Amino acid sequence: MIDGDMAKKSEDQKEKLRLRIKAYDAKLIDSSVKQIIEAIRTQGGEVVGPIPLPTEFKKYTVNRSTFVHKKSGEHFEIRVHKRLVDIMNPEQRIIESLSNLNLPAGVEVEMKMG
């Protein structure tokens, strides 16, 4: 019975390739995700997503002068937008087409098999 349960679990679990996409510009990340999904679908792959993840805010405070007026400072923030795309049962040609994609500068794609 234990072997039968293991066989069922392995059938239920599908191979998937998880893409984590990060960028500073929201429009840039959306166009890149659209380009990635289009490339996957032309190869016949099954896509889940894009799933928007929470935007990460990094805030910095910089003094306006060198040693006087310590209370006077400028505030800056950087927003990191993130998306998640899952590819179910990826084939080798899908992975090759993703590596050959020409994405704009400032877009980071992290691939992980899961």
PDB file of N, CA and C in Angstrom:
ATOM      1  N   MET A   1       0.817  -1.197   0.000  1.00  0.00           N
ATOM      2  CA  MET A   1       0.000   0.000   0.000  1.00  0.00           C
ATOM      3  C   MET A   1       0.858   1.258   0.000  1.00  0.00           C
ATOM      4  N   ILE A   2       1.974   1.220   0.648  1.00  0.00           N
ATOM      5  CA  ILE A   2       2.838   2.390   0.704  1.00  0.00           C
ATOM      6  C   ILE A   2       3.371   2.720  -0.687  1.00  0.00           C
ATOM      7  N   ASP A   3       3.729   1.687  -1.462  1.00  0.00           N
ATOM      8  CA  ASP A   3       4.229   1.922  -2.813  1.00  0.00           C
ATOM      9  C   ASP A   3       3.152   2.537  -3.701  1.00  0.00           C
ATOM     10  N   GLY A   4       1.909   2.130  -3.530  1.00  0.00           N
ATOM     11  CA  GLY A   4       0.800   2.686  -4.314  1.00  0.00           C
ATOM     12  C   GLY A   4       0.583   4.158  -3.999  1.00  0.00           C
ATOM     13  N   ASP A   5       0.706   4.545  -2.724  1.00  0.00           N
ATOM     14  CA  ASP A   5       0.549   5.947  -2.334  1.00  0.00           C
ATOM     15  C   ASP A   5       1.665   6.800  -2.920  1.00  0.00           C
ATOM     16  N   MET A   6       2.889   6.261  -2.940  1.00  0.00           N
ATOM     17  CA  MET A   6       4.020   6.999  -3.494  1.00  0.00           C
ATOM     18  C   MET A   6       3.837   7.220  -4.989  1.00  0.00           C
ATOM     19  N   ALA A   7       3.300   6.217  -5.679  1.00  0.00           N
ATOM     20  CA  ALA A   7       3.088   6.336  -7.123  1.00  0.00           C
ATOM     21  C   ALA A   7       2.047   7.408  -7.415  1.00  0.00           C
ATOM     22  N   LYS A   8       1.000   7.486  -6.597  1.00  0.00           N
ATOM     23  CA  LYS A   8      -0.032   8.505  -6.794  1.00  0.00           C
ATOM     24  C   LYS A   8       0.525   9.904  -6.577  1.00  0.00           C
ATOM     25  N   LYS A   9       1.359  10.068  -5.555  1.00  0.00           N
ATOM     26  CA  LYS A   9       1.938  11.380  -5.275  1.00  0.00           C
ATOM     27  C   LYS A   9       2.833  11.839  -6.419  1.00  0.00           C
ATOM     28  N   SER A  10       3.614  10.907  -6.982  1.00  0.00           N
ATOM     29  CA  SER A  10       4.516  11.302  -8.069  1.00  0.00           C
ATOM     30  C   SER A  10       3.722  11.649  -9.331  1.00  0.00           C
ATOM     31  N   GLU A  11       2.565  11.019  -9.538  1.00  0.00           N
ATOM     32  CA  GLU A  11       1.726  11.362 -10.687  1.00  0.00           C
ATOM     33  C   GLU A  11       1.092  12.736 -10.502  1.00  0.00           C
ATOM     34  N   ASP A  12       0.691  13.053  -9.273  1.00  0.00           N
ATOM     35  CA  ASP A  12       0.040  14.330  -9.004  1.00  0.00           C
ATOM     36  C   ASP A  12       1.018  15.495  -9.119  1.00  0.00           C
ATOM     37  N   GLN A  13       2.262  15.272  -8.713  1.00  0.00           N
ATOM     38  CA  GLN A  13       3.251  16.341  -8.755  1.00  0.00           C
ATOM     39  C   GLN A  13       3.780  16.479 -10.170  1.00  0.00           C
ATOM     40  N   LYS A  14       3.592  17.662 -10.733  1.00  0.00           N
ATOM     41  CA  LYS A  14       4.090  17.931 -12.072  1.00  0.00           C
ATOM     42  C   LYS A  14       5.384  18.717 -11.956  1.00  0.00           C
ATOM     43  N   GLU A  15       6.248  18.516 -12.942  1.00  0.00           N
ATOM     44  CA  GLU A  15       7.459  19.320 -13.009  1.00  0.00           C
ATOM     45  C   GLU A  15       7.061  20.747 -13.327  1.00  0.00           C
ATOM     46  N   LYS A  16       7.731  21.699 -12.712  1.00  0.00           N
ATOM     47  CA  LYS A  16       7.459  23.087 -13.063  1.00  0.00           C
ATOM     48  C   LYS A  16       8.731  23.907 -12.951  1.00  0.00           C
ATOM     49  N   LEU A  17       8.794  24.901 -13.807  1.00  0.00           N
ATOM     50  CA  LEU A  17       9.899  25.839 -13.822  1.00  0.00           C
ATOM     51  C   LEU A  17       9.341  27.157 -13.321  1.00  0.00           C
ATOM     52  N   ARG A  18       9.923  27.696 -12.255  1.00  0.00           N
ATOM     53  CA  ARG A  18       9.431  28.930 -11.653  1.00  0.00           C
ATOM     54  C   ARG A  18      10.345  30.080 -12.051  1.00  0.00           C
ATOM     55  N   LEU A  19       9.753  31.119 -12.622  1.00  0.00           N
ATOM     56  CA  LEU A  19      10.482  32.324 -13.006  1.00  0.00           C
ATOM     57  C   LEU A  19      10.119  33.442 -12.045  1.00  0.00           C
ATOM     58  N   ARG A  20      11.132  34.048 -11.423  1.00  0.00           N
ATOM     59  CA  ARG A  20      10.942  35.238 -10.584  1.00  0.00           C
ATOM     60  C   ARG A  20      11.534  36.404 -11.345  1.00  0.00           C
ATOM     61  N   ILE A  21      10.702  37.377 -11.670  1.00  0.00           N
ATOM     62  CA  ILE A  21      11.128  38.504 -12.485  1.00  0.00           C
ATOM     63  C   ILE A  21      11.095  39.752 -11.615  1.00  0.00           C
ATOM     64  N   LYS A  22      12.197  40.524 -11.635  1.00  0.00           N
ATOM     65  CA  LYS A  22      12.306  41.748 -10.842  1.00  0.00           C
ATOM     66  C   LYS A  22      12.719  42.893 -11.748  1.00  0.00           C
ATOM     67  N   ALA A  23      12.171  44.086 -11.462  1.00  0.00           N
ATOM     68  CA  ALA A  23      12.561  45.291 -12.198  1.00  0.00           C
ATOM     69  C   ALA A  23      12.177  46.508 -11.377  1.00  0.00           C
ATOM     70  N   TYR A  24      12.834  47.639 -11.683  1.00  0.00           N
ATOM     71  CA  TYR A  24      12.527  48.890 -10.993  1.00  0.00           C
ATOM     72  C   TYR A  24      11.342  49.614 -11.622  1.00  0.00           C
ATOM     73  N   ASP A  25      11.048  49.346 -12.895  1.00  0.00           N
ATOM     74  CA  ASP A  25       9.989  50.039 -13.618  1.00  0.00           C
ATOM     75  C   ASP A  25       8.812  49.087 -13.834  1.00  0.00           C
ATOM     76  N   ALA A  26       7.610  49.498 -13.449  1.00  0.00           N
ATOM     77  CA  ALA A  26       6.436  48.637 -13.540  1.00  0.00           C
ATOM     78  C   ALA A  26       6.046  48.363 -14.992  1.00  0.00           C
ATOM     79  N   LYS A  27       6.115  49.371 -15.846  1.00  0.00           N
ATOM     80  CA  LYS A  27       5.757  49.172 -17.260  1.00  0.00           C
ATOM     81  C   LYS A  27       6.739  48.233 -17.941  1.00  0.00           C
ATOM     82  N   LEU A  28       8.003  48.352 -17.583  1.00  0.00           N
ATOM     83  CA  LEU A  28       9.058  47.522 -18.171  1.00  0.00           C
ATOM     84  C   LEU A  28       8.878  46.059 -17.782  1.00  0.00           C
ATOM     85  N   ILE A  29       8.521  45.804 -16.533  1.00  0.00           N
ATOM     86  CA  ILE A  29       8.351  44.417 -16.082  1.00  0.00           C
ATOM     87  C   ILE A  29       7.112  43.802 -16.722  1.00  0.00           C
ATOM     88  N   ASP A  30       6.042  44.589 -16.895  1.00  0.00           N
ATOM     89  CA  ASP A  30       4.835  44.055 -17.521  1.00  0.00           C
ATOM     90  C   ASP A  30       5.071  43.694 -18.980  1.00  0.00           C
ATOM     91  N   SER A  31       5.798  44.539 -19.713  1.00  0.00           N
ATOM     92  CA  SER A  31       6.076  44.231 -21.116  1.00  0.00           C
ATOM     93  C   SER A  31       7.012  43.026 -21.231  1.00  0.00           C
ATOM     94  N   SER A  32       7.965  42.891 -20.306  1.00  0.00           N
ATOM     95  CA  SER A  32       8.884  41.754 -20.320  1.00  0.00           C
ATOM     96  C   SER A  32       8.147  40.452 -20.021  1.00  0.00           C
ATOM     97  N   VAL A  33       7.227  40.483 -19.049  1.00  0.00           N
ATOM     98  CA  VAL A  33       6.450  39.293 -18.703  1.00  0.00           C
ATOM     99  C   VAL A  33       5.580  38.884 -19.885  1.00  0.00           C
ATOM    100  N   LYS A  34       4.998  39.859 -20.549  1.00  0.00           N
ATOM    101  CA  LYS A  34       4.169  39.573 -21.719  1.00  0.00           C
ATOM    102  C   LYS A  34       5.010  38.904 -22.813  1.00  0.00           C
ATOM    103  N   GLN A  35       6.237  39.377 -23.010  1.00  0.00           N
ATOM    104  CA  GLN A  35       7.149  38.813 -24.004  1.00  0.00           C
ATOM    105  C   GLN A  35       7.538  37.380 -23.626  1.00  0.00           C
ATOM    106  N   ILE A  36       7.786  37.129 -22.343  1.00  0.00           N
ATOM    107  CA  ILE A  36       8.158  35.793 -21.871  1.00  0.00           C
ATOM    108  C   ILE A  36       7.004  34.816 -22.065  1.00  0.00           C
ATOM    109  N   ILE A  37       5.791  35.217 -21.691  1.00  0.00           N
ATOM    110  CA  ILE A  37       4.626  34.339 -21.813  1.00  0.00           C
ATOM    111  C   ILE A  37       4.333  34.035 -23.280  1.00  0.00           C
ATOM    112  N   GLU A  38       4.487  35.030 -24.142  1.00  0.00           N
ATOM    113  CA  GLU A  38       4.277  34.817 -25.571  1.00  0.00           C
ATOM    114  C   GLU A  38       5.277  33.806 -26.129  1.00  0.00           C
ATOM    115  N   ALA A  39       6.540  33.892 -25.693  1.00  0.00           N
ATOM    116  CA  ALA A  39       7.566  32.948 -26.150  1.00  0.00           C
ATOM    117  C   ALA A  39       7.257  31.530 -25.669  1.00  0.00           C
ATOM    118  N   ILE A  40       6.745  31.387 -24.459  1.00  0.00           N
ATOM    119  CA  ILE A  40       6.419  30.064 -23.918  1.00  0.00           C
ATOM    120  C   ILE A  40       5.238  29.461 -24.664  1.00  0.00           C
ATOM    121  N   ARG A  41       4.220  30.267 -24.913  1.00  0.00           N
ATOM    122  CA  ARG A  41       3.022  29.756 -25.586  1.00  0.00           C
ATOM    123  C   ARG A  41       3.286  29.387 -27.044  1.00  0.00           C
ATOM    124  N   THR A  42       4.205  30.091 -27.723  1.00  0.00           N
ATOM    125  CA  THR A  42       4.526  29.714 -29.099  1.00  0.00           C
ATOM    126  C   THR A  42       5.230  28.363 -29.153  1.00  0.00           C
ATOM    127  N   GLN A  43       5.928  27.984 -28.075  1.00  0.00           N
ATOM    128  CA  GLN A  43       6.588  26.683 -27.996  1.00  0.00           C
ATOM    129  C   GLN A  43       5.636  25.590 -27.499  1.00  0.00           C
ATOM    130  N   GLY A  44       4.412  25.963 -27.150  1.00  0.00           N
ATOM    131  CA  GLY A  44       3.427  24.981 -26.714  1.00  0.00           C
ATOM    132  C   GLY A  44       3.468  24.674 -25.236  1.00  0.00           C
ATOM    133  N   GLY A  45       3.951  25.598 -24.434  1.00  0.00           N
ATOM    134  CA  GLY A  45       4.042  25.380 -22.996  1.00  0.00           C
ATOM    135  C   GLY A  45       2.805  25.874 -22.267  1.00  0.00           C
ATOM    136  N   GLU A  46       2.586  25.339 -21.072  1.00  0.00           N
ATOM    137  CA  GLU A  46       1.460  25.731 -20.223  1.00  0.00           C
ATOM    138  C   GLU A  46       1.968  26.698 -19.161  1.00  0.00           C
ATOM    139  N   VAL A  47       1.328  27.883 -19.084  1.00  0.00           N
ATOM    140  CA  VAL A  47       1.799  28.960 -18.214  1.00  0.00           C
ATOM    141  C   VAL A  47       0.777  29.234 -17.117  1.00  0.00           C
ATOM    142  N   VAL A  48       1.270  29.422 -15.893  1.00  0.00           N
ATOM    143  CA  VAL A  48       0.445  29.883 -14.778  1.00  0.00           C
ATOM    144  C   VAL A  48       1.008  31.235 -14.354  1.00  0.00           C
ATOM    145  N   GLY A  49       0.214  32.271 -14.460  1.00  0.00           N
ATOM    146  CA  GLY A  49       0.681  33.592 -14.055  1.00  0.00           C
ATOM    147  C   GLY A  49       0.492  34.596 -15.157  1.00  0.00           C
ATOM    148  N   PRO A  50       1.003  35.755 -15.036  1.00  0.00           N
ATOM    149  CA  PRO A  50       1.916  36.264 -14.021  1.00  0.00           C
ATOM    150  C   PRO A  50       1.203  36.602 -12.713  1.00  0.00           C
ATOM    151  N   ILE A  51       1.852  36.289 -11.625  1.00  0.00           N
ATOM    152  CA  ILE A  51       1.324  36.567 -10.300  1.00  0.00           C
ATOM    153  C   ILE A  51       2.103  37.752  -9.739  1.00  0.00           C
ATOM    154  N   PRO A  52       1.446  38.889  -9.490  1.00  0.00           N
ATOM    155  CA  PRO A  52       2.174  40.033  -8.919  1.00  0.00           C
ATOM    156  C   PRO A  52       2.491  39.785  -7.450  1.00  0.00           C
ATOM    157  N   LEU A  53       3.751  39.968  -7.089  1.00  0.00           N
ATOM    158  CA  LEU A  53       4.190  39.854  -5.706  1.00  0.00           C
ATOM    159  C   LEU A  53       4.269  41.248  -5.101  1.00  0.00           C
ATOM    160  N   PRO A  54       4.297  41.373  -3.796  1.00  0.00           N
ATOM    161  CA  PRO A  54       4.346  42.705  -3.174  1.00  0.00           C
ATOM    162  C   PRO A  54       5.575  43.497  -3.613  1.00  0.00           C
ATOM    163  N   THR A  55       5.364  44.792  -3.847  1.00  0.00           N
ATOM    164  CA  THR A  55       6.447  45.676  -4.245  1.00  0.00           C
ATOM    165  C   THR A  55       7.324  45.966  -3.036  1.00  0.00           C
ATOM    166  N   GLU A  56       8.627  45.871  -3.241  1.00  0.00           N
ATOM    167  CA  GLU A  56       9.587  46.105  -2.162  1.00  0.00           C
ATOM    168  C   GLU A  56      10.032  47.571  -2.207  1.00  0.00           C
ATOM    169  N   PHE A  57       9.957  48.249  -1.081  1.00  0.00           N
ATOM    170  CA  PHE A  57      10.358  49.654  -0.984  1.00  0.00           C
ATOM    171  C   PHE A  57      11.665  49.747  -0.217  1.00  0.00           C
ATOM    172  N   LYS A  58      12.665  50.385  -0.817  1.00  0.00           N
ATOM    173  CA  LYS A  58      13.923  50.648  -0.124  1.00  0.00           C
ATOM    174  C   LYS A  58      14.037  52.159   0.018  1.00  0.00           C
ATOM    175  N   LYS A  59      14.083  52.638   1.273  1.00  0.00           N
ATOM    176  CA  LYS A  59      14.112  54.078   1.526  1.00  0.00           C
ATOM    177  C   LYS A  59      15.481  54.489   2.063  1.00  0.00           C
ATOM    178  N   TYR A  60      15.967  55.626   1.556  1.00  0.00           N
ATOM    179  CA  TYR A  60      17.269  56.161   1.953  1.00  0.00           C
ATOM    180  C   TYR A  60      17.113  57.621   2.335  1.00  0.00           C
ATOM    181  N   THR A  61      17.855  58.044   3.350  1.00  0.00           N
ATOM    182  CA  THR A  61      17.902  59.448   3.749  1.00  0.00           C
ATOM    183  C   THR A  61      19.342  59.924   3.619  1.00  0.00           C
ATOM    184  N   VAL A  62      19.507  61.071   2.940  1.00  0.00           N
ATOM    185  CA  VAL A  62      20.835  61.628   2.699  1.00  0.00           C
ATOM    186  C   VAL A  62      20.857  63.047   3.237  1.00  0.00           C
ATOM    187  N   ASN A  63      21.918  63.404   4.011  1.00  0.00           N
ATOM    188  CA  ASN A  63      22.055  64.768   4.517  1.00  0.00           C
ATOM    189  C   ASN A  63      22.305  65.731   3.361  1.00  0.00           C
ATOM    190  N   ARG A  64      21.720  66.930   3.453  1.00  0.00           N
ATOM    191  CA  ARG A  64      21.902  67.909   2.380  1.00  0.00           C
ATOM    192  C   ARG A  64      23.256  68.590   2.464  1.00  0.00           C
ATOM    193  N   SER A  65      23.780  68.765   3.651  1.00  0.00           N
ATOM    194  CA  SER A  65      25.094  69.394   3.779  1.00  0.00           C
ATOM    195  C   SER A  65      26.042  68.430   4.494  1.00  0.00           C
ATOM    196  N   THR A  66      27.300  68.816   4.550  1.00  0.00           N
ATOM    197  CA  THR A  66      28.304  67.895   5.091  1.00  0.00           C
ATOM    198  C   THR A  66      28.285  67.783   6.601  1.00  0.00           C
ATOM    199  N   PHE A  67      28.322  68.917   7.329  1.00  0.00           N
ATOM    200  CA  PHE A  67      28.424  68.793   8.779  1.00  0.00           C
ATOM    201  C   PHE A  67      27.480  69.704   9.548  1.00  0.00           C
ATOM    202  N   VAL A  68      26.797  70.632   8.899  1.00  0.00           N
ATOM    203  CA  VAL A  68      25.810  71.467   9.598  1.00  0.00           C
ATOM    204  C   VAL A  68      24.419  71.109   9.088  1.00  0.00           C
ATOM    205  N   HIS A  69      23.405  71.535   9.786  1.00  0.00           N
ATOM    206  CA  HIS A  69      22.001  71.290   9.427  1.00  0.00           C
ATOM    207  C   HIS A  69      21.708  69.795   9.314  1.00  0.00           C
ATOM    208  N   LYS A  70      21.953  69.088  10.413  1.00  0.00           N
ATOM    209  CA  LYS A  70      21.750  67.644  10.418  1.00  0.00           C
ATOM    210  C   LYS A  70      20.282  67.258  10.222  1.00  0.00           C
ATOM    211  N   LYS A  71      19.371  68.144  10.599  1.00  0.00           N
ATOM    212  CA  LYS A  71      17.955  67.820  10.473  1.00  0.00           C
ATOM    213  C   LYS A  71      17.448  67.998   9.051  1.00  0.00           C
ATOM    214  N   SER A  72      18.239  68.644   8.223  1.00  0.00           N
ATOM    215  CA  SER A  72      17.841  68.872   6.837  1.00  0.00           C
ATOM    216  C   SER A  72      18.370  67.725   5.981  1.00  0.00           C
ATOM    217  N   GLY A  73      17.481  66.898   5.486  1.00  0.00           N
ATOM    218  CA  GLY A  73      17.900  65.753   4.678  1.00  0.00           C
ATOM    219  C   GLY A  73      16.931  65.501   3.542  1.00  0.00           C
ATOM    220  N   GLU A  74      17.415  64.821   2.526  1.00  0.00           N
ATOM    221  CA  GLU A  74      16.572  64.445   1.395  1.00  0.00           C
ATOM    222  C   GLU A  74      16.253  62.961   1.508  1.00  0.00           C
ATOM    223  N   HIS A  75      15.041  62.609   1.126  1.00  0.00           N
ATOM    224  CA  HIS A  75      14.574  61.226   1.197  1.00  0.00           C
ATOM    225  C   HIS A  75      14.416  60.679  -0.212  1.00  0.00           C
ATOM    226  N   PHE A  76      14.921  59.463  -0.424  1.00  0.00           N
ATOM    227  CA  PHE A  76      14.802  58.785  -1.707  1.00  0.00           C
ATOM    228  C   PHE A  76      14.260  57.389  -1.465  1.00  0.00           C
ATOM    229  N   GLU A  77      13.563  56.856  -2.473  1.00  0.00           N
ATOM    230  CA  GLU A  77      13.107  55.479  -2.369  1.00  0.00           C
ATOM    231  C   GLU A  77      13.257  54.785  -3.717  1.00  0.00           C
ATOM    232  N   ILE A  78      13.520  53.498  -3.640  1.00  0.00           N
ATOM    233  CA  ILE A  78      13.595  52.653  -4.822  1.00  0.00           C
ATOM    234  C   ILE A  78      12.515  51.597  -4.670  1.00  0.00           C
ATOM    235  N   ARG A  79      11.717  51.411  -5.722  1.00  0.00           N
ATOM    236  CA  ARG A  79      10.672  50.394  -5.707  1.00  0.00           C
ATOM    237  C   ARG A  79      11.105  49.233  -6.585  1.00  0.00           C
ATOM    238  N   VAL A  80      11.045  48.027  -6.036  1.00  0.00           N
ATOM    239  CA  VAL A  80      11.387  46.823  -6.783  1.00  0.00           C
ATOM    240  C   VAL A  80      10.088  46.056  -7.025  1.00  0.00           C
ATOM    241  N   HIS A  81       9.656  46.020  -8.294  1.00  0.00           N
ATOM    242  CA  HIS A  81       8.438  45.308  -8.678  1.00  0.00           C
ATOM    243  C   HIS A  81       8.805  43.867  -8.993  1.00  0.00           C
ATOM    244  N   LYS A  82       7.932  42.922  -8.585  1.00  0.00           N
ATOM    245  CA  LYS A  82       8.220  41.500  -8.766  1.00  0.00           C
ATOM    246  C   LYS A  82       7.005  40.787  -9.355  1.00  0.00           C
ATOM    247  N   ARG A  83       7.285  39.801 -10.213  1.00  0.00           N
ATOM    248  CA  ARG A  83       6.247  38.952 -10.783  1.00  0.00           C
ATOM    249  C   ARG A  83       6.717  37.503 -10.701  1.00  0.00           C
ATOM    250  N   LEU A  84       5.752  36.582 -10.658  1.00  0.00           N
ATOM    251  CA  LEU A  84       6.032  35.157 -10.583  1.00  0.00           C
ATOM    252  C   LEU A  84       5.312  34.470 -11.739  1.00  0.00           C
ATOM    253  N   VAL A  85       6.040  33.646 -12.504  1.00  0.00           N
ATOM    254  CA  VAL A  85       5.464  32.902 -13.625  1.00  0.00           C
ATOM    255  C   VAL A  85       5.887  31.449 -13.468  1.00  0.00           C
ATOM    256  N   ASP A  86       4.908  30.526 -13.520  1.00  0.00           N
ATOM    257  CA  ASP A  86       5.193  29.099 -13.452  1.00  0.00           C
ATOM    258  C   ASP A  86       4.965  28.480 -14.822  1.00  0.00           C
ATOM    259  N   ILE A  87       5.898  27.623 -15.251  1.00  0.00           N
ATOM    260  CA  ILE A  87       5.765  26.883 -16.495  1.00  0.00           C
ATOM    261  C   ILE A  87       5.597  25.422 -16.114  1.00  0.00           C
ATOM    262  N   MET A  88       4.456  24.846 -16.468  1.00  0.00           N
ATOM    263  CA  MET A  88       4.175  23.459 -16.112  1.00  0.00           C
ATOM    264  C   MET A  88       4.773  22.531 -17.155  1.00  0.00           C
ATOM    265  N   ASN A  89       5.446  21.470 -16.707  1.00  0.00           N
ATOM    266  CA  ASN A  89       6.095  20.471 -17.563  1.00  0.00           C
ATOM    267  C   ASN A  89       6.956  21.108 -18.645  1.00  0.00           C
ATOM    268  N   PRO A  90       8.006  21.849 -18.272  1.00  0.00           N
ATOM    269  CA  PRO A  90       8.823  22.526 -19.284  1.00  0.00           C
ATOM    270  C   PRO A  90       9.646  21.533 -20.107  1.00  0.00           C
ATOM    271  N   GLU A  91       9.750  21.812 -21.393  1.00  0.00           N
ATOM    272  CA  GLU A  91      10.579  21.006 -22.284  1.00  0.00           C
ATOM    273  C   GLU A  91      11.887  21.753 -22.512  1.00  0.00           C
ATOM    274  N   GLN A  92      12.856  21.048 -23.071  1.00  0.00           N
ATOM    275  CA  GLN A  92      14.168  21.645 -23.283  1.00  0.00           C
ATOM    276  C   GLN A  92      14.096  22.823 -24.250  1.00  0.00           C
ATOM    277  N   ARG A  93      13.244  22.728 -25.275  1.00  0.00           N
ATOM    278  CA  ARG A  93      13.158  23.820 -26.256  1.00  0.00           C
ATOM    279  C   ARG A  93      12.558  25.082 -25.639  1.00  0.00           C
ATOM    280  N   ILE A  94      11.676  24.934 -24.650  1.00  0.00           N
ATOM    281  CA  ILE A  94      11.110  26.099 -23.966  1.00  0.00           C
ATOM    282  C   ILE A  94      12.200  26.810 -23.165  1.00  0.00           C
ATOM    283  N   ILE A  95      13.029  26.035 -22.469  1.00  0.00           N
ATOM    284  CA  ILE A  95      14.111  26.615 -21.673  1.00  0.00           C
ATOM    285  C   ILE A  95      15.121  27.313 -22.584  1.00  0.00           C
ATOM    286  N   GLU A  96      15.415  26.714 -23.738  1.00  0.00           N
ATOM    287  CA  GLU A  96      16.336  27.333 -24.691  1.00  0.00           C
ATOM    288  C   GLU A  96      15.766  28.631 -25.252  1.00  0.00           C
ATOM    289  N   SER A  97      14.460  28.647 -25.556  1.00  0.00           N
ATOM    290  CA  SER A  97      13.854  29.876 -26.089  1.00  0.00           C
ATOM    291  C   SER A  97      13.852  30.988 -25.045  1.00  0.00           C
ATOM    292  N   LEU A  98      13.716  30.629 -23.761  1.00  0.00           N
ATOM    293  CA  LEU A  98      13.771  31.637 -22.693  1.00  0.00           C
ATOM    294  C   LEU A  98      15.179  32.206 -22.550  1.00  0.00           C
ATOM    295  N   SER A  99      16.187  31.355 -22.692  1.00  0.00           N
ATOM    296  CA  SER A  99      17.556  31.846 -22.561  1.00  0.00           C
ATOM    297  C   SER A  99      17.972  32.694 -23.761  1.00  0.00           C
ATOM    298  N   ASN A 100      17.302  32.519 -24.901  1.00  0.00           N
ATOM    299  CA  ASN A 100      17.623  33.306 -26.093  1.00  0.00           C
ATOM    300  C   ASN A 100      16.834  34.607 -26.179  1.00  0.00           C
ATOM    301  N   LEU A 101      15.914  34.848 -25.240  1.00  0.00           N
ATOM    302  CA  LEU A 101      15.114  36.081 -25.263  1.00  0.00           C
ATOM    303  C   LEU A 101      15.991  37.295 -25.015  1.00  0.00           C
ATOM    304  N   ASN A 102      15.695  38.371 -25.713  1.00  0.00           N
ATOM    305  CA  ASN A 102      16.431  39.623 -25.543  1.00  0.00           C
ATOM    306  C   ASN A 102      15.573  40.566 -24.700  1.00  0.00           C
ATOM    307  N   LEU A 103      15.774  40.538 -23.393  1.00  0.00           N
ATOM    308  CA  LEU A 103      14.989  41.372 -22.476  1.00  0.00           C
ATOM    309  C   LEU A 103      15.695  42.707 -22.254  1.00  0.00           C
ATOM    310  N   PRO A 104      14.938  43.771 -21.963  1.00  0.00           N
ATOM    311  CA  PRO A 104      15.557  45.085 -21.743  1.00  0.00           C
ATOM    312  C   PRO A 104      16.428  45.102 -20.497  1.00  0.00           C
ATOM    313  N   ALA A 105      17.332  46.084 -20.468  1.00  0.00           N
ATOM    314  CA  ALA A 105      18.212  46.241 -19.310  1.00  0.00           C
ATOM    315  C   ALA A 105      17.380  46.632 -18.095  1.00  0.00           C
ATOM    316  N   GLY A 106      17.745  46.137 -16.937  1.00  0.00           N
ATOM    317  CA  GLY A 106      17.021  46.461 -15.720  1.00  0.00           C
ATOM    318  C   GLY A 106      16.007  45.414 -15.334  1.00  0.00           C
ATOM    319  N   VAL A 107      15.875  44.343 -16.131  1.00  0.00           N
ATOM    320  CA  VAL A 107      14.950  43.257 -15.810  1.00  0.00           C
ATOM    321  C   VAL A 107      15.776  42.032 -15.448  1.00  0.00           C
ATOM    322  N   GLU A 108      15.539  41.503 -14.256  1.00  0.00           N
ATOM    323  CA  GLU A 108      16.275  40.337 -13.782  1.00  0.00           C
ATOM    324  C   GLU A 108      15.332  39.145 -13.731  1.00  0.00           C
ATOM    325  N   VAL A 109      15.750  38.039 -14.355  1.00  0.00           N
ATOM    326  CA  VAL A 109      14.949  36.824 -14.367  1.00  0.00           C
ATOM    327  C   VAL A 109      15.721  35.723 -13.665  1.00  0.00           C
ATOM    328  N   GLU A 110      15.077  35.106 -12.677  1.00  0.00           N
ATOM    329  CA  GLU A 110      15.686  34.011 -11.912  1.00  0.00           C
ATOM    330  C   GLU A 110      14.868  32.757 -12.173  1.00  0.00           C
ATOM    331  N   MET A 111      15.517  31.680 -12.669  1.00  0.00           N
ATOM    332  CA  MET A 111      14.825  30.427 -12.970  1.00  0.00           C
ATOM    333  C   MET A 111      15.145  29.404 -11.898  1.00  0.00           C
ATOM    334  N   LYS A 112      14.103  28.643 -11.514  1.00  0.00           N
ATOM    335  CA  LYS A 112      14.286  27.602 -10.505  1.00  0.00           C
ATOM    336  C   LYS A 112      13.369  26.433 -10.826  1.00  0.00           C
ATOM    337  N   MET A 113      13.917  25.225 -10.854  1.00  0.00           N
ATOM    338  CA  MET A 113      13.085  24.033 -11.060  1.00  0.00           C
ATOM    339  C   MET A 113      12.446  23.658  -9.732  1.00  0.00           C
ATOM    340  N   GLY A 114      11.172  23.280  -9.786  1.00  0.00           N
ATOM    341  CA  GLY A 114      10.506  22.973  -8.541  1.00  0.00           C
ATOM    342  C   GLY A 114       9.610  21.808  -8.618  1.00  0.00           C
TER     343      GLY A 114
END
